[in-house]
């Protein structure tokens, strides 16, 4: 198994993995982050994992967030934006290895906290996060209300 920082040549493989994790997401969002990923002080990390044959086995995306992150006390915070391991590669430590690579990236940037989130009903994600060393900090339900704009 190999885990490396994704290169532009990996975008098509990552697009397939991203669509599995986020069916409504396109690769355009990730391509738009290229300056963040490749600049002199990158603030967005995309990792790709490949199996022994070089086939994509998973990915993780980590950002540096400077806004408030629930449950954290400092800034910036490394934030696990997403992680996915293909089903036939699960339960082999690959997810944990992706997390460790993200932690190393955060450590190299002097970041003291690594955070993530999961939907309230995603018990599998909760279990994964706990197994990877994360601790639950709080639970939040978001609300919204439309603002009705009057015709001018």
N, C-alpha and C. Protein backbone atom coordinates (compact mmCIF):
# COMPACT_ATOMS: atom_id res chain seq x y z
N UNK A 1 0.85 -1.17 0.00
CA UNK A 1 0.00 0.00 0.00
C UNK A 1 0.89 1.23 0.00
N UNK A 2 0.50 2.24 -0.78
CA UNK A 2 1.26 3.47 -0.88
C UNK A 2 0.31 4.65 -0.66
N UNK A 3 0.72 5.61 0.15
CA UNK A 3 -0.05 6.83 0.35
C UNK A 3 0.85 7.99 -0.03
N UNK A 4 0.37 8.81 -0.97
CA UNK A 4 1.15 9.96 -1.44
C UNK A 4 0.24 11.17 -1.58
N UNK A 5 0.89 12.32 -1.61
CA UNK A 5 0.17 13.55 -1.91
C UNK A 5 -0.30 13.47 -3.36
N UNK A 6 -1.56 13.76 -3.59
CA UNK A 6 -2.11 13.64 -4.95
C UNK A 6 -1.49 14.67 -5.87
N UNK A 7 -1.29 14.26 -7.11
CA UNK A 7 -0.78 15.13 -8.17
C UNK A 7 -1.90 15.35 -9.18
N UNK A 8 -1.76 16.35 -10.05
CA UNK A 8 -2.79 16.59 -11.07
C UNK A 8 -3.16 15.33 -11.86
N UNK A 9 -2.21 14.44 -12.08
CA UNK A 9 -2.49 13.21 -12.82
C UNK A 9 -3.43 12.28 -12.06
N UNK A 10 -3.60 12.50 -10.76
CA UNK A 10 -4.47 11.66 -9.93
C UNK A 10 -5.91 12.14 -9.89
N UNK A 11 -6.21 13.29 -10.48
CA UNK A 11 -7.54 13.89 -10.32
C UNK A 11 -8.66 13.01 -10.86
N UNK A 12 -8.45 12.31 -11.96
CA UNK A 12 -9.51 11.45 -12.49
C UNK A 12 -9.81 10.30 -11.52
N UNK A 13 -8.77 9.69 -10.97
CA UNK A 13 -8.98 8.59 -10.01
C UNK A 13 -9.67 9.11 -8.76
N UNK A 14 -9.26 10.28 -8.29
CA UNK A 14 -9.88 10.87 -7.10
C UNK A 14 -11.32 11.24 -7.38
N UNK A 15 -11.61 11.67 -8.60
CA UNK A 15 -12.99 12.03 -8.95
C UNK A 15 -13.93 10.84 -8.76
N UNK A 16 -13.49 9.66 -9.15
CA UNK A 16 -14.31 8.45 -8.99
C UNK A 16 -14.55 8.18 -7.50
N UNK A 17 -13.50 8.26 -6.70
CA UNK A 17 -13.62 8.03 -5.26
C UNK A 17 -14.51 9.09 -4.60
N UNK A 18 -14.32 10.35 -5.00
CA UNK A 18 -15.12 11.45 -4.43
C UNK A 18 -16.60 11.26 -4.74
N UNK A 19 -16.92 10.85 -5.97
CA UNK A 19 -18.33 10.67 -6.33
C UNK A 19 -18.97 9.53 -5.54
N UNK A 20 -18.16 8.57 -5.13
CA UNK A 20 -18.69 7.49 -4.30
C UNK A 20 -19.01 8.02 -2.90
N UNK A 21 -18.11 8.83 -2.36
CA UNK A 21 -18.32 9.40 -1.02
C UNK A 21 -19.38 10.50 -1.04
N UNK A 22 -19.27 11.39 -2.02
CA UNK A 22 -20.17 12.54 -2.14
C UNK A 22 -20.82 12.49 -3.52
N UNK A 23 -21.92 11.78 -3.69
CA UNK A 23 -22.52 11.60 -5.01
C UNK A 23 -22.87 12.90 -5.75
N UNK A 24 -23.11 13.96 -5.00
CA UNK A 24 -23.47 15.24 -5.64
C UNK A 24 -22.27 16.12 -5.91
N UNK A 25 -21.08 15.64 -5.60
CA UNK A 25 -19.87 16.44 -5.74
C UNK A 25 -19.18 16.14 -7.06
N UNK A 26 -18.63 17.17 -7.64
CA UNK A 26 -17.86 17.00 -8.87
C UNK A 26 -16.39 17.26 -8.61
N UNK A 27 -15.58 16.99 -9.58
CA UNK A 27 -14.15 17.22 -9.46
C UNK A 27 -13.83 18.70 -9.63
N UNK A 28 -14.77 19.47 -10.16
CA UNK A 28 -14.53 20.90 -10.39
C UNK A 28 -14.14 21.61 -9.10
N UNK A 29 -14.83 21.26 -7.99
CA UNK A 29 -14.51 21.88 -6.70
C UNK A 29 -13.05 21.60 -6.33
N UNK A 30 -12.63 20.37 -6.52
CA UNK A 30 -11.26 20.02 -6.19
C UNK A 30 -10.28 20.72 -7.13
N UNK A 31 -10.59 20.77 -8.41
CA UNK A 31 -9.71 21.46 -9.35
C UNK A 31 -9.59 22.94 -9.00
N UNK A 32 -10.67 23.51 -8.48
CA UNK A 32 -10.65 24.91 -8.06
C UNK A 32 -9.73 25.15 -6.88
N UNK A 33 -9.39 24.12 -6.17
CA UNK A 33 -8.50 24.24 -5.01
C UNK A 33 -7.03 24.07 -5.39
N UNK A 34 -6.72 23.90 -6.65
CA UNK A 34 -5.34 23.66 -7.06
C UNK A 34 -4.37 24.69 -6.50
N UNK A 35 -4.69 26.01 -6.54
CA UNK A 35 -3.74 26.96 -5.95
C UNK A 35 -3.52 26.72 -4.45
N UNK A 36 -4.56 26.33 -3.73
CA UNK A 36 -4.42 26.03 -2.30
C UNK A 36 -3.55 24.80 -2.08
N UNK A 37 -3.61 23.86 -3.03
CA UNK A 37 -2.91 22.60 -2.88
C UNK A 37 -1.45 22.69 -3.32
N UNK A 38 -1.14 23.62 -4.21
CA UNK A 38 0.19 23.63 -4.82
C UNK A 38 0.96 24.91 -4.55
N UNK A 39 0.37 25.87 -3.85
CA UNK A 39 1.03 27.14 -3.58
C UNK A 39 2.26 26.98 -2.69
N UNK A 40 2.94 28.09 -2.42
CA UNK A 40 4.17 28.03 -1.62
C UNK A 40 3.92 27.54 -0.19
N UNK A 41 2.75 27.81 0.36
CA UNK A 41 2.39 27.31 1.71
C UNK A 41 1.02 26.67 1.59
N UNK A 42 0.96 25.43 1.09
CA UNK A 42 -0.34 24.79 0.83
C UNK A 42 -1.24 24.75 2.07
N UNK A 43 -2.51 25.02 1.82
CA UNK A 43 -3.49 25.00 2.91
C UNK A 43 -4.53 23.90 2.71
N UNK A 44 -4.35 23.08 1.69
CA UNK A 44 -5.29 22.00 1.39
C UNK A 44 -4.47 20.80 0.92
N UNK A 45 -4.70 19.67 1.54
CA UNK A 45 -3.96 18.46 1.22
C UNK A 45 -4.91 17.41 0.69
N UNK A 46 -4.54 16.79 -0.42
CA UNK A 46 -5.28 15.65 -0.94
C UNK A 46 -4.29 14.49 -1.00
N UNK A 47 -4.65 13.42 -0.31
CA UNK A 47 -3.84 12.21 -0.29
C UNK A 47 -4.54 11.13 -1.09
N UNK A 48 -3.79 10.32 -1.79
CA UNK A 48 -4.35 9.17 -2.49
C UNK A 48 -3.60 7.93 -2.03
N UNK A 49 -4.35 6.88 -1.81
CA UNK A 49 -3.77 5.59 -1.44
C UNK A 49 -3.91 4.65 -2.63
N UNK A 50 -2.85 3.92 -2.90
CA UNK A 50 -2.87 2.96 -3.99
C UNK A 50 -2.54 1.58 -3.44
N UNK A 51 -3.20 0.57 -4.00
CA UNK A 51 -2.90 -0.80 -3.57
C UNK A 51 -1.61 -1.26 -4.23
N UNK A 52 -1.23 -2.50 -4.00
CA UNK A 52 0.02 -3.04 -4.53
C UNK A 52 0.12 -3.03 -6.04
N UNK A 53 -1.04 -2.99 -6.73
CA UNK A 53 -1.04 -2.94 -8.19
C UNK A 53 -1.12 -1.51 -8.71
N UNK A 54 -1.15 -0.53 -7.80
CA UNK A 54 -1.23 0.87 -8.22
C UNK A 54 -2.64 1.39 -8.39
N UNK A 55 -3.64 0.55 -8.14
CA UNK A 55 -5.03 0.98 -8.27
C UNK A 55 -5.42 1.86 -7.08
N UNK A 56 -6.26 2.90 -7.32
CA UNK A 56 -6.71 3.75 -6.22
C UNK A 56 -7.46 2.94 -5.17
N UNK A 57 -7.06 3.08 -3.91
CA UNK A 57 -7.69 2.33 -2.82
C UNK A 57 -8.39 3.25 -1.83
N UNK A 58 -8.13 4.55 -1.92
CA UNK A 58 -8.77 5.50 -1.01
C UNK A 58 -8.17 6.87 -1.16
N UNK A 59 -8.77 7.81 -0.46
CA UNK A 59 -8.25 9.17 -0.46
C UNK A 59 -8.66 9.87 0.82
N UNK A 60 -7.99 10.97 1.10
CA UNK A 60 -8.36 11.84 2.21
C UNK A 60 -8.07 13.27 1.80
N UNK A 61 -8.89 14.19 2.28
CA UNK A 61 -8.68 15.60 2.05
C UNK A 61 -8.62 16.29 3.41
N UNK A 62 -7.60 17.12 3.59
CA UNK A 62 -7.40 17.85 4.85
C UNK A 62 -7.17 19.31 4.50
N UNK A 63 -7.85 20.19 5.24
CA UNK A 63 -7.66 21.63 5.02
C UNK A 63 -7.15 22.27 6.29
N UNK A 64 -6.62 23.47 6.15
CA UNK A 64 -6.30 24.30 7.30
C UNK A 64 -7.44 25.31 7.42
N UNK A 65 -8.18 25.20 8.50
CA UNK A 65 -9.29 26.12 8.73
C UNK A 65 -8.87 27.17 9.75
N UNK A 66 -9.14 28.41 9.40
CA UNK A 66 -8.82 29.51 10.29
C UNK A 66 -10.07 30.07 10.98
N UNK A 67 -11.23 29.65 10.52
CA UNK A 67 -12.48 30.06 11.17
C UNK A 67 -12.72 29.18 12.39
N UNK A 68 -13.77 29.44 13.13
CA UNK A 68 -14.08 28.65 14.32
C UNK A 68 -14.40 27.22 13.91
N UNK A 69 -13.80 26.27 14.61
CA UNK A 69 -14.09 24.86 14.39
C UNK A 69 -14.65 24.32 15.70
N UNK A 70 -15.87 23.79 15.63
CA UNK A 70 -16.55 23.28 16.83
C UNK A 70 -15.65 22.35 17.63
N UNK A 71 -15.58 22.59 18.93
CA UNK A 71 -14.84 21.72 19.82
C UNK A 71 -13.35 21.99 19.90
N UNK A 72 -12.84 22.94 19.10
CA UNK A 72 -11.40 23.24 19.11
C UNK A 72 -11.14 24.56 19.83
N UNK A 73 -9.92 24.72 20.30
CA UNK A 73 -9.58 25.92 21.07
C UNK A 73 -8.63 26.85 20.35
N UNK A 74 -8.01 26.42 19.29
CA UNK A 74 -7.02 27.25 18.61
C UNK A 74 -7.32 27.47 17.16
N UNK A 75 -6.39 28.10 16.49
CA UNK A 75 -6.49 28.35 15.06
C UNK A 75 -5.07 28.55 14.54
N UNK A 76 -4.76 28.03 13.37
CA UNK A 76 -5.63 27.23 12.51
C UNK A 76 -5.79 25.80 13.04
N UNK A 77 -6.76 25.12 12.48
CA UNK A 77 -7.06 23.74 12.81
C UNK A 77 -6.97 22.92 11.53
N UNK A 78 -6.29 21.79 11.57
CA UNK A 78 -6.33 20.86 10.44
C UNK A 78 -7.68 20.17 10.50
N UNK A 79 -8.37 20.12 9.36
CA UNK A 79 -9.72 19.57 9.35
C UNK A 79 -9.82 18.49 8.28
N UNK A 80 -10.27 17.32 8.71
CA UNK A 80 -10.47 16.20 7.79
C UNK A 80 -11.77 16.46 7.02
N UNK A 81 -11.64 16.93 5.81
CA UNK A 81 -12.81 17.27 5.00
C UNK A 81 -13.52 16.03 4.49
N UNK A 82 -12.75 14.99 4.26
CA UNK A 82 -13.34 13.75 3.77
C UNK A 82 -12.31 12.65 3.73
N UNK A 83 -12.79 11.43 3.88
CA UNK A 83 -11.92 10.26 3.79
C UNK A 83 -12.76 9.11 3.26
N UNK A 84 -12.16 8.33 2.38
CA UNK A 84 -12.89 7.20 1.80
C UNK A 84 -11.89 6.10 1.47
N UNK A 85 -12.26 4.88 1.79
CA UNK A 85 -11.48 3.69 1.44
C UNK A 85 -12.42 2.75 0.70
N UNK A 86 -11.97 2.23 -0.44
CA UNK A 86 -12.83 1.33 -1.21
C UNK A 86 -13.15 0.10 -0.36
N UNK A 87 -14.35 -0.44 -0.53
CA UNK A 87 -14.81 -1.52 0.36
C UNK A 87 -13.86 -2.71 0.49
N UNK A 88 -13.25 -3.16 -0.60
CA UNK A 88 -12.40 -4.35 -0.49
C UNK A 88 -11.04 -4.07 0.15
N UNK A 89 -10.77 -2.81 0.51
CA UNK A 89 -9.52 -2.45 1.18
C UNK A 89 -9.73 -2.06 2.64
N UNK A 90 -10.97 -2.10 3.10
CA UNK A 90 -11.28 -1.68 4.47
C UNK A 90 -10.82 -2.71 5.49
N UNK A 91 -10.69 -2.23 6.72
CA UNK A 91 -10.30 -3.04 7.88
C UNK A 91 -8.88 -3.60 7.75
N UNK A 92 -8.04 -2.82 7.07
CA UNK A 92 -6.63 -3.19 6.90
C UNK A 92 -5.70 -2.08 7.40
N UNK A 93 -6.28 -1.04 8.01
CA UNK A 93 -5.48 0.06 8.54
C UNK A 93 -5.24 1.19 7.57
N UNK A 94 -5.84 1.12 6.39
CA UNK A 94 -5.61 2.16 5.39
C UNK A 94 -6.20 3.50 5.81
N UNK A 95 -7.41 3.49 6.36
CA UNK A 95 -8.02 4.74 6.83
C UNK A 95 -7.17 5.39 7.91
N UNK A 96 -6.71 4.58 8.83
CA UNK A 96 -5.85 5.10 9.90
C UNK A 96 -4.54 5.65 9.31
N UNK A 97 -3.99 4.99 8.30
CA UNK A 97 -2.75 5.46 7.67
C UNK A 97 -2.98 6.80 6.96
N UNK A 98 -4.14 6.96 6.34
CA UNK A 98 -4.47 8.25 5.72
C UNK A 98 -4.55 9.34 6.78
N UNK A 99 -5.17 9.03 7.92
CA UNK A 99 -5.26 9.98 9.03
C UNK A 99 -3.85 10.35 9.51
N UNK A 100 -3.00 9.36 9.68
CA UNK A 100 -1.64 9.61 10.16
C UNK A 100 -0.87 10.51 9.19
N UNK A 101 -1.06 10.31 7.89
CA UNK A 101 -0.40 11.18 6.91
C UNK A 101 -0.93 12.60 7.02
N UNK A 102 -2.24 12.75 7.26
CA UNK A 102 -2.81 14.08 7.47
C UNK A 102 -2.28 14.72 8.74
N UNK A 103 -2.13 13.93 9.80
CA UNK A 103 -1.57 14.44 11.05
C UNK A 103 -0.13 14.93 10.87
N UNK A 104 0.66 14.19 10.12
CA UNK A 104 2.04 14.59 9.86
C UNK A 104 2.06 15.93 9.12
N UNK A 105 1.21 16.07 8.12
CA UNK A 105 1.11 17.32 7.36
C UNK A 105 0.75 18.48 8.30
N UNK A 106 -0.21 18.26 9.20
CA UNK A 106 -0.61 19.29 10.16
C UNK A 106 0.54 19.63 11.09
N UNK A 107 1.23 18.61 11.57
CA UNK A 107 2.35 18.82 12.48
C UNK A 107 3.45 19.65 11.81
N UNK A 108 3.72 19.38 10.54
CA UNK A 108 4.74 20.14 9.80
C UNK A 108 4.37 21.61 9.68
N UNK A 109 3.10 21.94 9.84
CA UNK A 109 2.63 23.31 9.75
C UNK A 109 2.41 23.94 11.13
N UNK A 110 2.80 23.23 12.17
CA UNK A 110 2.69 23.77 13.51
C UNK A 110 1.27 23.82 14.05
N UNK A 111 0.39 23.02 13.49
CA UNK A 111 -1.02 23.01 13.90
C UNK A 111 -1.18 22.07 15.09
N UNK A 112 -1.91 22.52 16.12
CA UNK A 112 -2.03 21.76 17.36
C UNK A 112 -3.26 20.86 17.43
N UNK A 113 -4.27 21.10 16.56
CA UNK A 113 -5.50 20.32 16.64
C UNK A 113 -5.90 19.81 15.26
N UNK A 114 -6.45 18.60 15.24
CA UNK A 114 -6.94 17.97 14.02
C UNK A 114 -8.40 17.61 14.29
N UNK A 115 -9.31 18.12 13.49
CA UNK A 115 -10.74 17.95 13.73
C UNK A 115 -11.42 17.32 12.52
N UNK A 116 -12.65 16.92 12.74
CA UNK A 116 -13.46 16.32 11.69
C UNK A 116 -14.91 16.42 12.11
N UNK A 117 -15.80 15.99 11.25
CA UNK A 117 -17.21 15.92 11.62
C UNK A 117 -17.85 14.74 10.92
N UNK A 118 -19.05 14.42 11.34
CA UNK A 118 -19.81 13.32 10.75
C UNK A 118 -21.28 13.60 11.01
N UNK A 119 -22.12 13.13 10.13
CA UNK A 119 -23.55 13.28 10.34
C UNK A 119 -23.98 12.53 11.60
N UNK A 120 -25.01 13.03 12.26
CA UNK A 120 -25.45 12.45 13.52
C UNK A 120 -25.79 10.96 13.42
N UNK A 121 -26.33 10.54 12.28
CA UNK A 121 -26.76 9.15 12.15
C UNK A 121 -25.72 8.24 11.50
N UNK A 122 -24.50 8.73 11.28
CA UNK A 122 -23.47 7.93 10.61
C UNK A 122 -22.62 7.20 11.66
N UNK A 123 -23.20 6.16 12.21
CA UNK A 123 -22.53 5.40 13.28
C UNK A 123 -21.21 4.79 12.83
N UNK A 124 -21.13 4.36 11.58
CA UNK A 124 -19.87 3.77 11.09
C UNK A 124 -18.76 4.82 11.11
N UNK A 125 -19.07 6.04 10.72
CA UNK A 125 -18.08 7.12 10.75
C UNK A 125 -17.68 7.44 12.17
N UNK A 126 -18.65 7.45 13.10
CA UNK A 126 -18.33 7.72 14.50
C UNK A 126 -17.33 6.67 15.01
N UNK A 127 -17.60 5.42 14.72
CA UNK A 127 -16.72 4.34 15.17
C UNK A 127 -15.33 4.47 14.56
N UNK A 128 -15.28 4.80 13.26
CA UNK A 128 -13.99 4.98 12.60
C UNK A 128 -13.20 6.10 13.26
N UNK A 129 -13.85 7.24 13.49
CA UNK A 129 -13.16 8.38 14.10
C UNK A 129 -12.60 8.02 15.48
N UNK A 130 -13.40 7.34 16.29
CA UNK A 130 -12.92 6.93 17.62
C UNK A 130 -11.71 5.99 17.48
N UNK A 131 -11.80 5.04 16.57
CA UNK A 131 -10.70 4.09 16.36
C UNK A 131 -9.43 4.79 15.86
N UNK A 132 -9.61 5.91 15.16
CA UNK A 132 -8.48 6.66 14.62
C UNK A 132 -7.93 7.68 15.62
N UNK A 133 -8.48 7.69 16.84
CA UNK A 133 -7.94 8.56 17.88
C UNK A 133 -8.66 9.87 18.10
N UNK A 134 -9.74 10.11 17.36
CA UNK A 134 -10.52 11.32 17.57
C UNK A 134 -11.41 11.15 18.80
N UNK A 135 -11.73 12.25 19.47
CA UNK A 135 -12.69 12.22 20.56
C UNK A 135 -13.86 13.13 20.20
N UNK A 136 -15.04 12.69 20.54
CA UNK A 136 -16.23 13.50 20.27
C UNK A 136 -16.20 14.72 21.17
N UNK A 137 -16.51 15.89 20.60
CA UNK A 137 -16.50 17.13 21.38
C UNK A 137 -17.89 17.69 21.61
N UNK A 138 -18.76 17.60 20.63
CA UNK A 138 -20.12 18.11 20.77
C UNK A 138 -20.97 17.63 19.61
N UNK A 139 -22.27 17.75 19.78
CA UNK A 139 -23.20 17.41 18.71
C UNK A 139 -23.99 18.66 18.36
N UNK A 140 -24.19 18.86 17.08
CA UNK A 140 -24.84 20.08 16.61
C UNK A 140 -25.87 19.71 15.56
N UNK A 141 -26.99 20.38 15.61
CA UNK A 141 -27.97 20.29 14.55
C UNK A 141 -28.07 21.69 13.95
N UNK A 142 -27.92 21.78 12.64
CA UNK A 142 -27.98 23.06 11.96
C UNK A 142 -29.42 23.35 11.56
N UNK A 143 -29.79 24.60 11.62
CA UNK A 143 -31.12 25.05 11.21
C UNK A 143 -30.95 26.13 10.16
N UNK A 144 -31.99 26.32 9.37
CA UNK A 144 -32.00 27.42 8.42
C UNK A 144 -33.43 27.91 8.26
N UNK A 145 -33.54 29.11 7.86
CA UNK A 145 -34.83 29.71 7.55
C UNK A 145 -34.62 30.64 6.38
N UNK A 146 -35.42 30.52 5.34
CA UNK A 146 -35.23 31.39 4.19
C UNK A 146 -35.60 32.84 4.55
N UNK A 147 -34.92 33.74 3.92
CA UNK A 147 -35.23 35.16 4.04
C UNK A 147 -36.05 35.52 2.81
N UNK A 148 -37.25 35.98 3.03
CA UNK A 148 -38.10 36.37 1.90
C UNK A 148 -37.75 37.78 1.49
N UNK A 149 -37.32 37.89 0.28
CA UNK A 149 -36.93 39.20 -0.24
C UNK A 149 -38.13 39.85 -0.93
N UNK A 150 -38.35 41.09 -0.63
CA UNK A 150 -39.47 41.78 -1.27
C UNK A 150 -39.03 42.27 -2.65
N UNK A 151 -39.97 42.30 -3.56
CA UNK A 151 -39.68 42.78 -4.91
C UNK A 151 -39.50 44.30 -4.85
N UNK A 152 -38.46 44.78 -5.44
CA UNK A 152 -38.18 46.24 -5.41
C UNK A 152 -38.79 46.95 -6.58
